[in-house]
Amino acid sequence: MMPTLAFIGDVMLGRGVNAVIPSRAAEWFWGDVLPLLRSADAVFANLECAITTHRARWSLTPKVFYFRADPHAVQVLRAANIRCVSLANNHTLDYDVPGLLDTLRYLDEAGIAHAGAGRTLEEAEAPALVEAGGIRVGVISATDNEPPFAAGPDRPGTNYLEIRTDPATLDRVAGWIARARRAGAQLVVLSLHWGPNMVLVPPPHFRAFAHAVTDLGVDVLHGHSAHVFQGVERIGRRLVLYDTGDFLDDYAVDPELRNDWSFVFCVDVRPDVTLERLRMVPVRLRYARVDLARGPEFKAICARMEELCRMFGTPVVRTPEGLEVSLA
């Protein structure tokens, strides 16, 4: 059996989801997707909220949405086999620095690795290391969202990165990759919370950046932020998931863009630590819960992904569980 790494999009445990957590078992939130998540060797997600009891909101700059979950929300993450979360996003500091510090502490106590935010810039840039199916996976996380949240040499915050392909930017990314390799990573994931909301196609400079960083040694680019999934691209034996969409939340649904449609992106890895294939399993989000998509919705979700992949020249094959892309 080849190791499988499962990538999912935004997991927002605050607001309405947080209100439901005390009355439901942790497994309930993942519906009939749970066996798939637990069958993976590790699940990687973007955590789109602070986990904290701190109630004072970020006040240095204006914000519209503030997402906070109580500490027992970590059990929801653990129930789904989420082994590592990205914290480089526009909600990690919604409850200011104390909320970030609480989030780090509760994740550490739960044994959930994290990357993309920290007490200093050096800590925010540090890779998370996850053992999965005998493979050491190094996860680096960065965001071009919410510049005021950026960490500094002595300031807690997120790993902020402008998405550009100039030498200075690429040298910075190359340094992160080298740091992950020195720490023992055999496979490198770059988790990016990037770009605007509710767009189905990444801008051209994102594609140029993706090609540049895979050339530098990123094996999987795990994108999120748009709230809708985007197409995937294979670059040699490397993989770009431009946006993995939403996965668990209480959000209003756009009837055309369908931010309640997404996938579990399962990456099968060969024993020589090269990528073998990507399996995409369609899911349907409901209020505070996610389930496997079925019937007409299953077909519609697959058809949209097929269309989005065509622009990248990505060959996609239909399977009983969804879609498949060969990386061999």
C-alpha atoms as a PDB file:
ATOM      1  CA  MET A   1       0.000   0.000   0.000  1.00  0.00           C
ATOM      2  CA  MET A   2       1.283   3.451  -0.929  1.00  0.00           C
ATOM      3  CA  PRO A   3       1.100   6.183   1.716  1.00  0.00           C
ATOM      4  CA  THR A   4      -1.742   8.652   1.151  1.00  0.00           C
ATOM      5  CA  LEU A   5      -1.690  12.323   2.088  1.00  0.00           C
ATOM      6  CA  ALA A   6      -5.123  13.978   2.126  1.00  0.00           C
ATOM      7  CA  PHE A   7      -5.465  17.729   1.577  1.00  0.00           C
ATOM      8  CA  ILE A   8      -8.611  19.671   2.401  1.00  0.00           C
ATOM      9  CA  GLY A   9      -9.437  23.364   2.285  1.00  0.00           C
ATOM     10  CA  ASP A  10     -10.630  25.828   4.912  1.00  0.00           C
ATOM     11  CA  VAL A  11     -11.811  24.419   8.228  1.00  0.00           C
ATOM     12  CA  MET A  12     -13.664  27.141  10.153  1.00  0.00           C
ATOM     13  CA  LEU A  13     -14.653  25.979  13.642  1.00  0.00           C
ATOM     14  CA  GLY A  14     -15.891  29.335  14.958  1.00  0.00           C
ATOM     15  CA  ARG A  15     -19.230  31.091  15.095  1.00  0.00           C
ATOM     16  CA  GLY A  16     -22.077  28.687  14.191  1.00  0.00           C
ATOM     17  CA  VAL A  17     -19.838  25.618  14.140  1.00  0.00           C
ATOM     18  CA  ASN A  18     -18.515  26.480  17.593  1.00  0.00           C
ATOM     19  CA  ALA A  19     -22.083  26.794  18.867  1.00  0.00           C
ATOM     20  CA  VAL A  20     -22.887  23.254  17.679  1.00  0.00           C
ATOM     21  CA  ILE A  21     -19.724  21.581  19.001  1.00  0.00           C
ATOM     22  CA  PRO A  22     -20.894  21.087  22.625  1.00  0.00           C
ATOM     23  CA  SER A  23     -23.996  19.172  21.503  1.00  0.00           C
ATOM     24  CA  ARG A  24     -22.385  16.848  18.932  1.00  0.00           C
ATOM     25  CA  ALA A  25     -19.739  14.163  18.944  1.00  0.00           C
ATOM     26  CA  ALA A  26     -16.525  15.287  17.279  1.00  0.00           C
ATOM     27  CA  GLU A  27     -17.034  12.702  14.536  1.00  0.00           C
ATOM     28  CA  TRP A  28     -20.455  14.097  13.536  1.00  0.00           C
ATOM     29  CA  PHE A  29     -19.034  17.156  11.778  1.00  0.00           C
ATOM     30  CA  TRP A  30     -17.260  15.019   9.176  1.00  0.00           C
ATOM     31  CA  GLY A  31     -20.316  12.988   8.165  1.00  0.00           C
ATOM     32  CA  ASP A  32     -19.696  10.010   5.894  1.00  0.00           C
ATOM     33  CA  VAL A  33     -16.387  11.565   4.734  1.00  0.00           C
ATOM     34  CA  LEU A  34     -14.833  10.440   8.024  1.00  0.00           C
ATOM     35  CA  PRO A  35     -13.757   6.926   6.906  1.00  0.00           C
ATOM     36  CA  LEU A  36     -11.922   8.437   3.932  1.00  0.00           C
ATOM     37  CA  LEU A  37     -10.140  10.980   6.136  1.00  0.00           C
ATOM     38  CA  ARG A  38      -9.172   8.308   8.643  1.00  0.00           C
ATOM     39  CA  SER A  39      -7.918   5.991   5.912  1.00  0.00           C
ATOM     40  CA  ALA A  40      -5.284   8.553   4.896  1.00  0.00           C
ATOM     41  CA  ASP A  41      -1.901   8.501   6.587  1.00  0.00           C
ATOM     42  CA  ALA A  42      -2.329  12.194   7.398  1.00  0.00           C
ATOM     43  CA  VAL A  43      -4.808  14.981   6.649  1.00  0.00           C
ATOM     44  CA  PHE A  44      -3.614  18.547   6.024  1.00  0.00           C
ATOM     45  CA  ALA A  45      -5.985  21.527   6.358  1.00  0.00           C
ATOM     46  CA  ASN A  46      -6.142  25.294   6.653  1.00  0.00           C
ATOM     47  CA  LEU A  47      -7.442  26.303  10.085  1.00  0.00           C
ATOM     48  CA  GLU A  48      -9.582  29.367   9.409  1.00  0.00           C
ATOM     49  CA  CYS A  49     -10.056  30.586  12.991  1.00  0.00           C
ATOM     50  CA  ALA A  50      -8.345  31.154  16.308  1.00  0.00           C
ATOM     51  CA  ILE A  51      -8.790  28.563  19.057  1.00  0.00           C
ATOM     52  CA  THR A  52      -8.942  30.610  22.238  1.00  0.00           C
ATOM     53  CA  THR A  53     -10.974  31.771  25.217  1.00  0.00           C
ATOM     54  CA  HIS A  54      -9.663  35.316  24.678  1.00  0.00           C
ATOM     55  CA  ARG A  55     -12.545  37.627  23.717  1.00  0.00           C
ATOM     56  CA  ALA A  56     -10.800  40.896  22.756  1.00  0.00           C
ATOM     57  CA  ARG A  57     -10.710  41.202  18.978  1.00  0.00           C
ATOM     58  CA  TRP A  58      -7.919  42.459  16.745  1.00  0.00           C
ATOM     59  CA  SER A  59      -8.286  46.252  16.743  1.00  0.00           C
ATOM     60  CA  LEU A  60      -5.219  47.705  15.003  1.00  0.00           C
ATOM     61  CA  THR A  61      -6.902  47.658  11.583  1.00  0.00           C
ATOM     62  CA  PRO A  62     -10.532  47.245  10.455  1.00  0.00           C
ATOM     63  CA  LYS A  63     -11.902  43.747   9.830  1.00  0.00           C
ATOM     64  CA  VAL A  64     -15.370  42.466   8.957  1.00  0.00           C
ATOM     65  CA  PHE A  65     -15.294  38.854  10.154  1.00  0.00           C
ATOM     66  CA  TYR A  66     -13.783  37.474  13.370  1.00  0.00           C
ATOM     67  CA  PHE A  67     -13.675  33.696  13.863  1.00  0.00           C
ATOM     68  CA  ARG A  68     -13.035  32.079  17.245  1.00  0.00           C
ATOM     69  CA  ALA A  69     -13.511  28.529  18.495  1.00  0.00           C
ATOM     70  CA  ASP A  70     -13.391  27.282  22.080  1.00  0.00           C
ATOM     71  CA  PRO A  71     -10.529  24.961  23.095  1.00  0.00           C
ATOM     72  CA  HIS A  72     -12.553  21.746  22.806  1.00  0.00           C
ATOM     73  CA  ALA A  73     -12.721  22.380  19.036  1.00  0.00           C
ATOM     74  CA  VAL A  74      -9.325  20.684  18.754  1.00  0.00           C
ATOM     75  CA  GLN A  75     -11.147  17.385  19.315  1.00  0.00           C
ATOM     76  CA  VAL A  76     -13.047  17.968  16.054  1.00  0.00           C
ATOM     77  CA  LEU A  77      -9.699  18.279  14.249  1.00  0.00           C
ATOM     78  CA  ARG A  78      -8.327  15.160  15.917  1.00  0.00           C
ATOM     79  CA  ALA A  79     -11.423  13.136  15.052  1.00  0.00           C
ATOM     80  CA  ALA A  80     -10.762  13.725  11.328  1.00  0.00           C
ATOM     81  CA  ASN A  81      -7.121  12.620  11.437  1.00  0.00           C
ATOM     82  CA  ILE A  82      -5.978  16.212  10.788  1.00  0.00           C
ATOM     83  CA  ARG A  83      -2.302  15.955  11.605  1.00  0.00           C
ATOM     84  CA  CYS A  84      -1.174  19.405  10.459  1.00  0.00           C
ATOM     85  CA  VAL A  85      -2.847  22.794   9.943  1.00  0.00           C
ATOM     86  CA  SER A  86      -1.813  25.959   8.192  1.00  0.00           C
ATOM     87  CA  LEU A  87      -2.073  29.068  10.341  1.00  0.00           C
ATOM     88  CA  ALA A  88      -0.888  31.576   7.721  1.00  0.00           C
ATOM     89  CA  ASN A  89      -4.226  33.184   6.928  1.00  0.00           C
ATOM     90  CA  ASN A  90      -6.425  36.209   7.584  1.00  0.00           C
ATOM     91  CA  HIS A  91      -8.152  34.844  10.714  1.00  0.00           C
ATOM     92  CA  THR A  92      -5.362  33.475  12.910  1.00  0.00           C
ATOM     93  CA  LEU A  93      -5.014  36.828  14.729  1.00  0.00           C
ATOM     94  CA  ASP A  94      -8.722  37.684  14.810  1.00  0.00           C
ATOM     95  CA  TYR A  95      -8.450  37.607  18.613  1.00  0.00           C
ATOM     96  CA  ASP A  96      -5.121  39.385  18.670  1.00  0.00           C
ATOM     97  CA  VAL A  97      -1.810  38.028  19.888  1.00  0.00           C
ATOM     98  CA  PRO A  98      -3.276  36.251  22.949  1.00  0.00           C
ATOM     99  CA  GLY A  99      -5.625  34.380  20.592  1.00  0.00           C
ATOM    100  CA  LEU A 100      -2.696  33.299  18.430  1.00  0.00           C
ATOM    101  CA  LEU A 101      -0.669  32.160  21.425  1.00  0.00           C
ATOM    102  CA  ASP A 102      -3.642  30.179  22.727  1.00  0.00           C
ATOM    103  CA  THR A 103      -4.081  28.562  19.304  1.00  0.00           C
ATOM    104  CA  LEU A 104      -0.446  27.446  19.256  1.00  0.00           C
ATOM    105  CA  ARG A 105      -0.752  26.036  22.771  1.00  0.00           C
ATOM    106  CA  TYR A 106      -3.986  24.118  22.206  1.00  0.00           C
ATOM    107  CA  LEU A 107      -2.701  22.616  18.952  1.00  0.00           C
ATOM    108  CA  ASP A 108       0.553  21.587  20.628  1.00  0.00           C
ATOM    109  CA  GLU A 109      -1.315  19.982  23.514  1.00  0.00           C
ATOM    110  CA  ALA A 110      -3.481  18.058  21.021  1.00  0.00           C
ATOM    111  CA  GLY A 111      -0.446  16.848  19.077  1.00  0.00           C
ATOM    112  CA  ILE A 112      -1.476  18.686  15.896  1.00  0.00           C
ATOM    113  CA  ALA A 113       1.429  20.139  13.939  1.00  0.00           C
ATOM    114  CA  HIS A 114       1.138  23.675  12.572  1.00  0.00           C
ATOM    115  CA  ALA A 115       3.004  26.053  10.309  1.00  0.00           C
ATOM    116  CA  GLY A 116       2.667  29.629   9.129  1.00  0.00           C
ATOM    117  CA  ALA A 117       2.331  31.599  12.359  1.00  0.00           C
ATOM    118  CA  GLY A 118       4.408  31.981  15.488  1.00  0.00           C
ATOM    119  CA  ARG A 119       5.850  34.152  18.209  1.00  0.00           C
ATOM    120  CA  THR A 120       8.472  35.516  15.803  1.00  0.00           C
ATOM    121  CA  LEU A 121       9.013  35.560  12.052  1.00  0.00           C
ATOM    122  CA  GLU A 122      11.560  32.754  12.377  1.00  0.00           C
ATOM    123  CA  GLU A 123       8.951  30.602  14.088  1.00  0.00           C
ATOM    124  CA  ALA A 124       6.271  31.545  11.551  1.00  0.00           C
ATOM    125  CA  GLU A 125       8.580  30.500   8.707  1.00  0.00           C
ATOM    126  CA  ALA A 126       9.554  27.214  10.356  1.00  0.00           C
ATOM    127  CA  PRO A 127       8.422  23.997   8.684  1.00  0.00           C
ATOM    128  CA  ALA A 128       6.151  21.560  10.472  1.00  0.00           C
ATOM    129  CA  LEU A 129       7.347  17.955  10.245  1.00  0.00           C
ATOM    130  CA  VAL A 130       4.798  15.145  10.027  1.00  0.00           C
ATOM    131  CA  GLU A 131       5.526  11.400   9.865  1.00  0.00           C
ATOM    132  CA  ALA A 132       2.960   9.860   7.530  1.00  0.00           C
ATOM    133  CA  GLY A 133       3.107   6.304   6.240  1.00  0.00           C
ATOM    134  CA  GLY A 134       6.848   6.143   6.742  1.00  0.00           C
ATOM    135  CA  ILE A 135       7.442   9.463   4.944  1.00  0.00           C
ATOM    136  CA  ARG A 136       8.712  12.630   6.623  1.00  0.00           C
ATOM    137  CA  VAL A 137       6.587  15.476   5.259  1.00  0.00           C
ATOM    138  CA  GLY A 138       7.744  19.057   5.726  1.00  0.00           C
ATOM    139  CA  VAL A 139       4.976  21.672   5.600  1.00  0.00           C
ATOM    140  CA  ILE A 140       5.735  25.347   5.002  1.00  0.00           C
ATOM    141  CA  SER A 141       2.883  27.841   5.162  1.00  0.00           C
ATOM    142  CA  ALA A 142       2.548  31.448   3.990  1.00  0.00           C
ATOM    143  CA  THR A 143      -0.150  33.952   3.047  1.00  0.00           C
ATOM    144  CA  ASP A 144      -0.601  37.098   0.987  1.00  0.00           C
ATOM    145  CA  ASN A 145      -3.728  37.960   3.026  1.00  0.00           C
ATOM    146  CA  GLU A 146      -3.962  40.513   5.857  1.00  0.00           C
ATOM    147  CA  PRO A 147      -0.501  42.181   5.800  1.00  0.00           C
ATOM    148  CA  PRO A 148      -1.045  43.750   9.271  1.00  0.00           C
ATOM    149  CA  PHE A 149      -0.971  40.211  10.735  1.00  0.00           C
ATOM    150  CA  ALA A 150       2.611  39.702   9.522  1.00  0.00           C
ATOM    151  CA  ALA A 151       5.144  38.464  12.058  1.00  0.00           C
ATOM    152  CA  GLY A 152       8.367  40.377  12.646  1.00  0.00           C
ATOM    153  CA  PRO A 153      11.728  39.484  14.195  1.00  0.00           C
ATOM    154  CA  ASP A 154      10.260  40.079  17.662  1.00  0.00           C
ATOM    155  CA  ARG A 155       6.550  40.285  16.832  1.00  0.00           C
ATOM    156  CA  PRO A 156       4.054  37.392  16.792  1.00  0.00           C
ATOM    157  CA  GLY A 157       2.090  36.912  13.614  1.00  0.00           C
ATOM    158  CA  THR A 158       1.785  35.118  10.298  1.00  0.00           C
ATOM    159  CA  ASN A 159       4.289  34.255   7.584  1.00  0.00           C
ATOM    160  CA  TYR A 160       3.345  36.972   5.089  1.00  0.00           C
ATOM    161  CA  LEU A 161       4.486  36.662   1.473  1.00  0.00           C
ATOM    162  CA  GLU A 162       3.715  38.742  -1.601  1.00  0.00           C
ATOM    163  CA  ILE A 163       3.162  36.392  -4.531  1.00  0.00           C
ATOM    164  CA  ARG A 164       5.911  37.385  -6.953  1.00  0.00           C
ATOM    165  CA  THR A 165       8.665  35.695  -8.927  1.00  0.00           C
ATOM    166  CA  ASP A 166      11.434  38.230  -8.361  1.00  0.00           C
ATOM    167  CA  PRO A 167      14.784  36.845  -7.114  1.00  0.00           C
ATOM    168  CA  ALA A 168      14.342  38.071  -3.536  1.00  0.00           C
ATOM    169  CA  THR A 169      10.961  36.355  -3.142  1.00  0.00           C
ATOM    170  CA  LEU A 170      12.129  33.105  -4.684  1.00  0.00           C
ATOM    171  CA  ASP A 171      15.319  33.158  -2.608  1.00  0.00           C
ATOM    172  CA  ARG A 172      13.155  33.419   0.489  1.00  0.00           C
ATOM    173  CA  VAL A 173      11.065  30.414  -0.555  1.00  0.00           C
ATOM    174  CA  ALA A 174      14.216  28.476  -1.458  1.00  0.00           C
ATOM    175  CA  GLY A 175      15.495  29.130   2.058  1.00  0.00           C
ATOM    176  CA  TRP A 176      12.307  27.668   3.546  1.00  0.00           C
ATOM    177  CA  ILE A 177      12.619  24.566   1.393  1.00  0.00           C
ATOM    178  CA  ALA A 178      16.261  24.107   2.361  1.00  0.00           C
ATOM    179  CA  ARG A 179      15.339  24.488   6.023  1.00  0.00           C
ATOM    180  CA  ALA A 180      12.684  21.784   5.678  1.00  0.00           C
ATOM    181  CA  ARG A 181      15.120  19.443   3.933  1.00  0.00           C
ATOM    182  CA  ARG A 182      17.764  20.010   6.628  1.00  0.00           C
ATOM    183  CA  ALA A 183      15.135  19.129   9.233  1.00  0.00           C
ATOM    184  CA  GLY A 184      14.660  15.771   7.505  1.00  0.00           C
ATOM    185  CA  ALA A 185      11.726  16.387   5.149  1.00  0.00           C
ATOM    186  CA  GLN A 186      11.596  13.892   2.287  1.00  0.00           C
ATOM    187  CA  LEU A 187       8.566  15.560   0.706  1.00  0.00           C
ATOM    188  CA  VAL A 188       7.879  19.321   0.885  1.00  0.00           C
ATOM    189  CA  VAL A 189       4.407  20.883   0.967  1.00  0.00           C
ATOM    190  CA  LEU A 190       3.924  24.639   0.530  1.00  0.00           C
ATOM    191  CA  SER A 191       0.527  25.580   1.973  1.00  0.00           C
ATOM    192  CA  LEU A 192      -0.598  28.985   0.668  1.00  0.00           C
ATOM    193  CA  HIS A 193      -3.594  31.042   1.723  1.00  0.00           C
ATOM    194  CA  TRP A 194      -3.571  33.274  -1.315  1.00  0.00           C
ATOM    195  CA  GLY A 195      -5.655  35.409  -3.587  1.00  0.00           C
ATOM    196  CA  PRO A 196      -9.175  36.863  -3.566  1.00  0.00           C
ATOM    197  CA  ASN A 197     -12.405  35.196  -2.526  1.00  0.00           C
ATOM    198  CA  MET A 198     -14.920  33.524  -4.849  1.00  0.00           C
ATOM    199  CA  VAL A 199     -12.845  33.202  -8.013  1.00  0.00           C
ATOM    200  CA  LEU A 200     -12.686  29.935  -9.952  1.00  0.00           C
ATOM    201  CA  VAL A 201      -9.456  30.645 -11.856  1.00  0.00           C
ATOM    202  CA  PRO A 202      -6.114  31.694 -10.332  1.00  0.00           C
ATOM    203  CA  PRO A 203      -4.467  34.806 -11.794  1.00  0.00           C
ATOM    204  CA  PRO A 204      -1.570  34.289 -14.239  1.00  0.00           C
ATOM    205  CA  HIS A 205       1.090  35.402 -11.762  1.00  0.00           C
ATOM    206  CA  PHE A 206      -0.042  32.669  -9.342  1.00  0.00           C
ATOM    207  CA  ARG A 207       0.596  30.088 -12.034  1.00  0.00           C
ATOM    208  CA  ALA A 208       4.049  31.586 -12.718  1.00  0.00           C
ATOM    209  CA  PHE A 209       4.797  31.447  -8.994  1.00  0.00           C
ATOM    210  CA  ALA A 210       3.609  27.826  -8.762  1.00  0.00           C
ATOM    211  CA  HIS A 211       5.917  26.803 -11.597  1.00  0.00           C
ATOM    212  CA  ALA A 212       8.828  28.665 -10.018  1.00  0.00           C
ATOM    213  CA  VAL A 213       8.459  27.102  -6.563  1.00  0.00           C
ATOM    214  CA  THR A 214       8.000  23.572  -7.885  1.00  0.00           C
ATOM    215  CA  ASP A 215      11.247  24.118  -9.786  1.00  0.00           C
ATOM    216  CA  LEU A 216      12.797  25.038  -6.427  1.00  0.00           C
ATOM    217  CA  GLY A 217      11.679  21.731  -4.891  1.00  0.00           C
ATOM    218  CA  VAL A 218       8.097  22.064  -3.636  1.00  0.00           C
ATOM    219  CA  ASP A 219       6.409  18.680  -4.199  1.00  0.00           C
ATOM    220  CA  VAL A 220       2.825  19.733  -3.430  1.00  0.00           C
ATOM    221  CA  LEU A 221       1.469  23.275  -3.449  1.00  0.00           C
ATOM    222  CA  HIS A 222      -1.634  23.255  -1.248  1.00  0.00           C
ATOM    223  CA  GLY A 223      -3.656  26.381  -2.045  1.00  0.00           C
ATOM    224  CA  HIS A 224      -6.691  27.784  -0.254  1.00  0.00           C
ATOM    225  CA  SER A 225      -8.484  31.112   0.332  1.00  0.00           C
ATOM    226  CA  ALA A 226     -10.942  31.484  -2.577  1.00  0.00           C
ATOM    227  CA  HIS A 227     -13.743  29.531  -0.787  1.00  0.00           C
ATOM    228  CA  VAL A 228     -14.280  27.645  -4.063  1.00  0.00           C
ATOM    229  CA  PHE A 229     -12.087  24.948  -5.555  1.00  0.00           C
ATOM    230  CA  GLN A 230      -9.908  25.669  -8.581  1.00  0.00           C
ATOM    231  CA  GLY A 231      -8.220  23.434 -11.136  1.00  0.00           C
ATOM    232  CA  VAL A 232      -5.136  21.351 -10.453  1.00  0.00           C
ATOM    233  CA  GLU A 233      -1.924  21.192 -12.458  1.00  0.00           C
ATOM    234  CA  ARG A 234       0.755  18.564 -12.646  1.00  0.00           C
ATOM    235  CA  ILE A 235       4.293  19.819 -13.238  1.00  0.00           C
ATOM    236  CA  GLY A 236       6.435  16.775 -13.898  1.00  0.00           C
ATOM    237  CA  ARG A 237       5.999  14.589 -10.802  1.00  0.00           C
ATOM    238  CA  ARG A 238       4.911  17.583  -8.727  1.00  0.00           C
ATOM    239  CA  LEU A 239       1.411  18.846  -8.046  1.00  0.00           C
ATOM    240  CA  VAL A 240      -0.300  22.224  -7.721  1.00  0.00           C
ATOM    241  CA  LEU A 241      -3.696  22.369  -6.004  1.00  0.00           C
ATOM    242  CA  TYR A 242      -4.439  25.998  -6.799  1.00  0.00           C
ATOM    243  CA  ASP A 243      -7.330  26.157  -4.346  1.00  0.00           C
ATOM    244  CA  THR A 244      -8.892  23.383  -2.301  1.00  0.00           C
ATOM    245  CA  GLY A 245     -11.983  25.438  -1.433  1.00  0.00           C
ATOM    246  CA  ASP A 246     -13.993  25.245   1.786  1.00  0.00           C
ATOM    247  CA  PHE A 247     -14.466  22.092   3.826  1.00  0.00           C
ATOM    248  CA  LEU A 248     -16.214  22.784   7.153  1.00  0.00           C
ATOM    249  CA  ASP A 249     -18.000  26.016   8.069  1.00  0.00           C
ATOM    250  CA  ASP A 250     -21.302  27.842   8.605  1.00  0.00           C
ATOM    251  CA  TYR A 251     -21.071  30.097   5.541  1.00  0.00           C
ATOM    252  CA  ALA A 252     -23.887  31.340   3.321  1.00  0.00           C
ATOM    253  CA  VAL A 253     -23.860  29.552  -0.046  1.00  0.00           C
ATOM    254  CA  ASP A 254     -23.470  31.339  -3.376  1.00  0.00           C
ATOM    255  CA  PRO A 255     -25.974  29.564  -5.664  1.00  0.00           C
ATOM    256  CA  GLU A 256     -23.755  29.955  -8.756  1.00  0.00           C
ATOM    257  CA  LEU A 257     -20.201  29.629  -7.456  1.00  0.00           C
ATOM    258  CA  ARG A 258     -21.244  26.927  -4.959  1.00  0.00           C
ATOM    259  CA  ASN A 259     -18.789  27.342  -2.127  1.00  0.00           C
ATOM    260  CA  ASP A 260     -20.528  24.290  -0.626  1.00  0.00           C
ATOM    261  CA  TRP A 261     -18.872  22.051  -3.252  1.00  0.00           C
ATOM    262  CA  SER A 262     -15.365  20.723  -2.745  1.00  0.00           C
ATOM    263  CA  PHE A 263     -13.131  17.646  -2.668  1.00  0.00           C
ATOM    264  CA  VAL A 264     -10.850  15.576  -0.520  1.00  0.00           C
ATOM    265  CA  PHE A 265      -7.588  15.698  -2.501  1.00  0.00           C
ATOM    266  CA  CYS A 266      -5.818  12.377  -1.865  1.00  0.00           C
ATOM    267  CA  VAL A 267      -2.189  12.171  -3.002  1.00  0.00           C
ATOM    268  CA  ASP A 268      -0.730   8.669  -3.230  1.00  0.00           C
ATOM    269  CA  VAL A 269       3.049   8.572  -2.758  1.00  0.00           C
ATOM    270  CA  ARG A 270       5.435   5.904  -4.050  1.00  0.00           C
ATOM    271  CA  PRO A 271       8.046   4.250  -1.786  1.00  0.00           C
ATOM    272  CA  ASP A 272      10.740   6.365  -3.486  1.00  0.00           C
ATOM    273  CA  VAL A 273       8.811   9.463  -2.268  1.00  0.00           C
ATOM    274  CA  THR A 274       7.606  10.564  -5.684  1.00  0.00           C
ATOM    275  CA  LEU A 275       3.954  11.290  -6.342  1.00  0.00           C
ATOM    276  CA  GLU A 276       1.992   8.509  -8.025  1.00  0.00           C
ATOM    277  CA  ARG A 277      -1.504   9.945  -8.457  1.00  0.00           C
ATOM    278  CA  LEU A 278      -4.082  12.413  -7.205  1.00  0.00           C
ATOM    279  CA  ARG A 279      -7.550  11.142  -6.319  1.00  0.00           C
ATOM    280  CA  MET A 280     -10.273  13.756  -5.906  1.00  0.00           C
ATOM    281  CA  VAL A 281     -13.369  12.717  -3.968  1.00  0.00           C
ATOM    282  CA  PRO A 282     -16.308  15.183  -4.203  1.00  0.00           C
ATOM    283  CA  VAL A 283     -17.938  16.445  -1.023  1.00  0.00           C
ATOM    284  CA  ARG A 284     -20.943  18.598  -0.195  1.00  0.00           C
ATOM    285  CA  LEU A 285     -20.841  21.058   2.710  1.00  0.00           C
ATOM    286  CA  ARG A 286     -23.869  21.670   4.904  1.00  0.00           C
ATOM    287  CA  TYR A 287     -24.214  23.860   7.988  1.00  0.00           C
ATOM    288  CA  ALA A 288     -21.373  22.748  10.292  1.00  0.00           C
ATOM    289  CA  ARG A 289     -21.033  19.386   8.514  1.00  0.00           C
ATOM    290  CA  VAL A 290     -19.553  17.829   5.397  1.00  0.00           C
ATOM    291  CA  ASP A 291     -20.681  14.666   3.550  1.00  0.00           C
ATOM    292  CA  LEU A 292     -19.728  12.814   0.402  1.00  0.00           C
ATOM    293  CA  ALA A 293     -21.468  14.232  -2.668  1.00  0.00           C
ATOM    294  CA  ARG A 294     -23.929  11.930  -4.409  1.00  0.00           C
ATOM    295  CA  GLY A 295     -26.141  11.750  -7.479  1.00  0.00           C
ATOM    296  CA  PRO A 296     -26.467  14.881  -9.648  1.00  0.00           C
ATOM    297  CA  GLU A 297     -24.254  16.932  -7.321  1.00  0.00           C
ATOM    298  CA  PHE A 298     -21.454  14.354  -7.560  1.00  0.00           C
ATOM    299  CA  LYS A 299     -21.604  14.641 -11.353  1.00  0.00           C
ATOM    300  CA  ALA A 300     -21.797  18.447 -11.324  1.00  0.00           C
ATOM    301  CA  ILE A 301     -18.814  18.822  -8.991  1.00  0.00           C
ATOM    302  CA  CYS A 302     -16.734  16.466 -11.118  1.00  0.00           C
ATOM    303  CA  ALA A 303     -17.760  18.259 -14.321  1.00  0.00           C
ATOM    304  CA  ARG A 304     -16.698  21.634 -12.933  1.00  0.00           C
ATOM    305  CA  MET A 305     -13.299  20.297 -11.896  1.00  0.00           C
ATOM    306  CA  GLU A 306     -12.793  18.679 -15.300  1.00  0.00           C
ATOM    307  CA  GLU A 307     -13.522  22.018 -16.965  1.00  0.00           C
ATOM    308  CA  LEU A 308     -11.180  23.924 -14.628  1.00  0.00           C
ATOM    309  CA  CYS A 309      -8.370  21.415 -15.215  1.00  0.00           C
ATOM    310  CA  ARG A 310      -8.587  21.700 -18.979  1.00  0.00           C
ATOM    311  CA  MET A 311      -7.039  25.174 -18.953  1.00  0.00           C
ATOM    312  CA  PHE A 312      -3.923  23.667 -17.361  1.00  0.00           C
ATOM    313  CA  GLY A 313      -3.825  20.730 -19.766  1.00  0.00           C
ATOM    314  CA  THR A 314      -4.327  18.370 -16.842  1.00  0.00           C
ATOM    315  CA  PRO A 315      -5.668  14.969 -17.967  1.00  0.00           C
ATOM    316  CA  VAL A 316      -8.452  13.910 -15.601  1.00  0.00           C
ATOM    317  CA  VAL A 317     -10.105  10.491 -15.522  1.00  0.00           C
ATOM    318  CA  ARG A 318     -13.520   9.722 -14.004  1.00  0.00           C
ATOM    319  CA  THR A 319     -13.590   6.958 -11.395  1.00  0.00           C
ATOM    320  CA  PRO A 320     -16.361   5.547  -9.168  1.00  0.00           C
ATOM    321  CA  GLU A 321     -15.125   7.685  -6.255  1.00  0.00           C
ATOM    322  CA  GLY A 322     -14.639  10.884  -8.290  1.00  0.00           C
ATOM    323  CA  LEU A 323     -11.668  11.963 -10.407  1.00  0.00           C
ATOM    324  CA  GLU A 324      -8.062  10.858 -10.822  1.00  0.00           C
ATOM    325  CA  VAL A 325      -4.891  12.451 -12.186  1.00  0.00           C
ATOM    326  CA  SER A 326      -1.878  10.274 -12.877  1.00  0.00           C
ATOM    327  CA  LEU A 327       1.471  11.763 -11.891  1.00  0.00           C
ATOM    328  CA  ALA A 328       3.574   8.818 -13.082  1.00  0.00           C
END
